[in-house]
Amino acid sequence: MPALIWAIAGVACLLAELLTLTFVLLYFGLGGIAAAGAALVGVPLAGQVGVFAVVALGLLALTRRPLLRLIQPGSPTAMNVHALIGKRGIVTIPVSNDASTGQVRIGTEFWTARNASDDARALAPGDHVEVVEVSGVTARVRRIEVEPEPGAG
């Protein structure tokens, strides 16, 4: 009878895992099935609980992260200000670290800007820049050379 209860609980966890895909109930299902096997060979209830705990928690600790990496490969998508790093923009207000001035347009947004290199010359309006880092609401930028488009002036 205990083997049947463990097996039903294990299968229920496995079925619930199919609905959630969190890769947690999977391990409790496997632990329940292992405990059912232990019950079938005559292991006392305390031993069955031990088998359940060791299998479920052991597999959870050892395999969940690698399994998630396998299922969801790739690095997380940069969001918010971190998504600005590497973006290009145009200086709209002269960028000078000494005068604490500067603004750049990146896409349709305007950002307060400072030169990424403290000893670099000021950047003039119209200069093309690339965001190196973001500190608070200030973009740290460096000047870049942009090739003119073919057929332009």
Protein backbone atom coordinates (compact mmCIF):
# COMPACT_ATOMS: atom_id res chain seq x y z
CA MET A 1 0.00 0.00 0.00
CA PRO A 2 2.75 2.57 0.79
CA ALA A 3 4.34 1.81 -2.58
CA LEU A 4 1.09 2.70 -4.33
CA ILE A 5 0.81 5.98 -2.40
CA TRP A 6 4.41 6.93 -3.23
CA ALA A 7 3.88 6.01 -6.89
CA ILE A 8 0.67 8.05 -7.15
CA ALA A 9 2.34 11.05 -5.46
CA GLY A 10 5.37 10.72 -7.74
CA VAL A 11 3.32 10.52 -10.92
CA ALA A 12 1.15 13.44 -9.75
CA CYS A 13 4.29 15.55 -9.28
CA LEU A 14 5.57 14.58 -12.71
CA LEU A 15 2.24 15.51 -14.30
CA ALA A 16 2.16 18.80 -12.41
CA GLU A 17 5.67 19.51 -13.69
CA LEU A 18 4.35 19.30 -17.24
CA LEU A 19 2.06 22.24 -16.41
CA THR A 20 4.62 24.42 -14.60
CA LEU A 21 7.97 23.62 -16.29
CA THR A 22 9.84 24.98 -13.27
CA PHE A 23 11.99 21.85 -12.94
CA VAL A 24 11.23 21.47 -9.24
CA LEU A 25 8.27 19.10 -9.11
CA LEU A 26 10.18 16.84 -11.49
CA TYR A 27 12.59 15.96 -8.72
CA PHE A 28 9.87 15.33 -6.15
CA GLY A 29 8.19 13.05 -8.68
CA LEU A 30 11.39 11.11 -9.19
CA GLY A 31 11.88 10.95 -5.42
CA GLY A 32 8.34 9.59 -5.01
CA ILE A 33 8.94 6.88 -7.60
CA ALA A 34 12.25 5.95 -5.92
CA ALA A 35 10.47 5.75 -2.54
CA ALA A 36 7.80 3.53 -4.14
CA GLY A 37 10.58 1.22 -5.30
CA ALA A 38 12.03 1.18 -1.80
CA ALA A 39 8.60 0.32 -0.38
CA LEU A 40 8.25 -2.57 -2.85
CA VAL A 41 11.47 -4.17 -1.63
CA GLY A 42 10.37 -3.89 2.00
CA VAL A 43 12.23 -0.81 3.29
CA PRO A 44 10.49 0.58 6.42
CA LEU A 45 8.64 3.93 6.23
CA ALA A 46 11.54 5.93 7.70
CA GLY A 47 13.82 4.50 5.04
CA GLN A 48 11.30 5.30 2.31
CA VAL A 49 11.18 8.93 3.49
CA GLY A 50 14.98 8.95 3.50
CA VAL A 51 15.13 7.59 -0.06
CA PHE A 52 12.59 10.18 -1.16
CA ALA A 53 14.55 13.05 0.43
CA VAL A 54 17.96 11.92 -0.82
CA VAL A 55 16.80 11.32 -4.40
CA ALA A 56 14.61 14.44 -4.68
CA LEU A 57 16.92 16.92 -2.97
CA GLY A 58 20.11 15.34 -4.28
CA LEU A 59 19.00 15.45 -7.90
CA LEU A 60 17.57 18.94 -7.42
CA ALA A 61 20.87 20.24 -6.05
CA LEU A 62 23.07 18.48 -8.59
CA THR A 63 21.17 18.75 -11.86
CA ARG A 64 18.65 21.61 -11.88
CA ARG A 65 21.05 24.42 -12.85
CA PRO A 66 22.77 22.49 -15.65
CA LEU A 67 19.37 21.38 -16.92
CA LEU A 68 18.07 24.97 -16.96
CA ARG A 69 21.21 26.12 -18.81
CA LEU A 70 20.66 23.37 -21.37
CA ILE A 71 17.00 24.29 -21.86
CA GLN A 72 17.54 28.09 -21.81
CA PRO A 73 20.93 28.73 -23.43
CA GLY A 74 22.41 32.15 -23.98
CA SER A 75 23.05 35.11 -21.83
CA PRO A 76 20.28 37.21 -20.39
CA THR A 77 19.09 40.10 -22.49
CA ALA A 78 20.46 43.46 -21.40
CA MET A 79 17.68 45.68 -20.14
CA ASN A 80 17.17 49.23 -18.95
CA VAL A 81 20.34 51.33 -18.85
CA HIS A 82 22.53 48.28 -19.46
CA ALA A 83 20.99 48.01 -22.92
CA LEU A 84 22.60 51.37 -23.77
CA ILE A 85 26.14 50.04 -23.56
CA GLY A 86 27.54 49.77 -27.08
CA LYS A 87 24.82 51.96 -28.60
CA ARG A 88 25.84 54.87 -30.77
CA GLY A 89 24.64 58.43 -30.55
CA ILE A 90 25.32 62.03 -31.53
CA VAL A 91 26.50 64.83 -29.25
CA THR A 92 23.84 67.57 -28.95
CA ILE A 93 25.43 69.70 -26.21
CA PRO A 94 29.26 69.84 -25.93
CA VAL A 95 30.56 67.08 -23.65
CA SER A 96 33.18 68.39 -21.26
CA ASN A 97 34.17 66.63 -18.06
CA ASP A 98 35.91 69.77 -16.78
CA ALA A 99 32.78 71.91 -17.20
CA SER A 100 30.45 69.07 -16.21
CA THR A 101 28.37 69.57 -19.34
CA GLY A 102 27.20 67.35 -22.12
CA GLN A 103 24.26 65.67 -23.73
CA VAL A 104 23.91 63.02 -26.39
CA ARG A 105 20.99 61.72 -28.41
CA ILE A 106 20.81 57.94 -28.54
CA GLY A 107 17.96 56.92 -30.81
CA THR A 108 15.10 59.15 -29.72
CA GLU A 109 16.32 59.68 -26.15
CA PHE A 110 18.55 62.40 -24.78
CA TRP A 111 21.08 61.49 -22.08
CA THR A 112 23.39 63.51 -19.90
CA ALA A 113 26.87 62.53 -21.02
CA ARG A 114 30.47 62.64 -19.88
CA ASN A 115 33.59 61.56 -21.72
CA ALA A 116 34.64 58.03 -20.74
CA SER A 117 38.26 59.15 -20.67
CA ASP A 118 38.87 61.85 -18.06
CA ASP A 119 41.84 63.27 -19.97
CA ALA A 120 40.19 63.35 -23.42
CA ARG A 121 39.27 66.55 -25.22
CA ALA A 122 35.73 67.89 -25.17
CA LEU A 123 33.28 66.45 -27.67
CA ALA A 124 31.53 68.89 -30.00
CA PRO A 125 27.92 68.84 -31.18
CA GLY A 126 27.61 66.50 -34.16
CA ASP A 127 30.40 64.18 -32.98
CA HIS A 128 29.46 60.52 -33.13
CA VAL A 129 29.89 58.63 -29.89
CA GLU A 130 29.47 55.16 -28.43
CA VAL A 131 28.25 54.46 -24.90
CA VAL A 132 30.96 52.73 -22.85
CA GLU A 133 29.12 52.59 -19.52
CA VAL A 134 26.20 54.14 -17.68
CA SER A 135 26.62 55.64 -14.25
CA GLY A 136 23.28 56.56 -12.72
CA VAL A 137 21.57 58.64 -15.42
CA THR A 138 24.82 59.70 -17.09
CA ALA A 139 26.16 57.96 -20.17
CA ARG A 140 29.95 57.69 -20.34
CA VAL A 141 30.81 57.95 -24.03
CA ARG A 142 33.81 57.84 -26.35
CA ARG A 143 34.18 59.50 -29.74
CA ILE A 144 34.03 57.21 -32.78
CA GLU A 145 34.72 57.72 -36.46
CA VAL A 146 31.75 57.09 -38.72
CA GLU A 147 32.21 56.34 -42.40
CA PRO A 148 30.11 58.58 -44.66
CA GLU A 149 27.37 56.76 -46.51
CA PRO A 150 28.05 56.09 -50.21
CA GLY A 151 26.59 58.77 -52.42
CA ALA A 152 26.50 61.37 -49.62
CA GLY A 153 27.74 64.84 -50.52
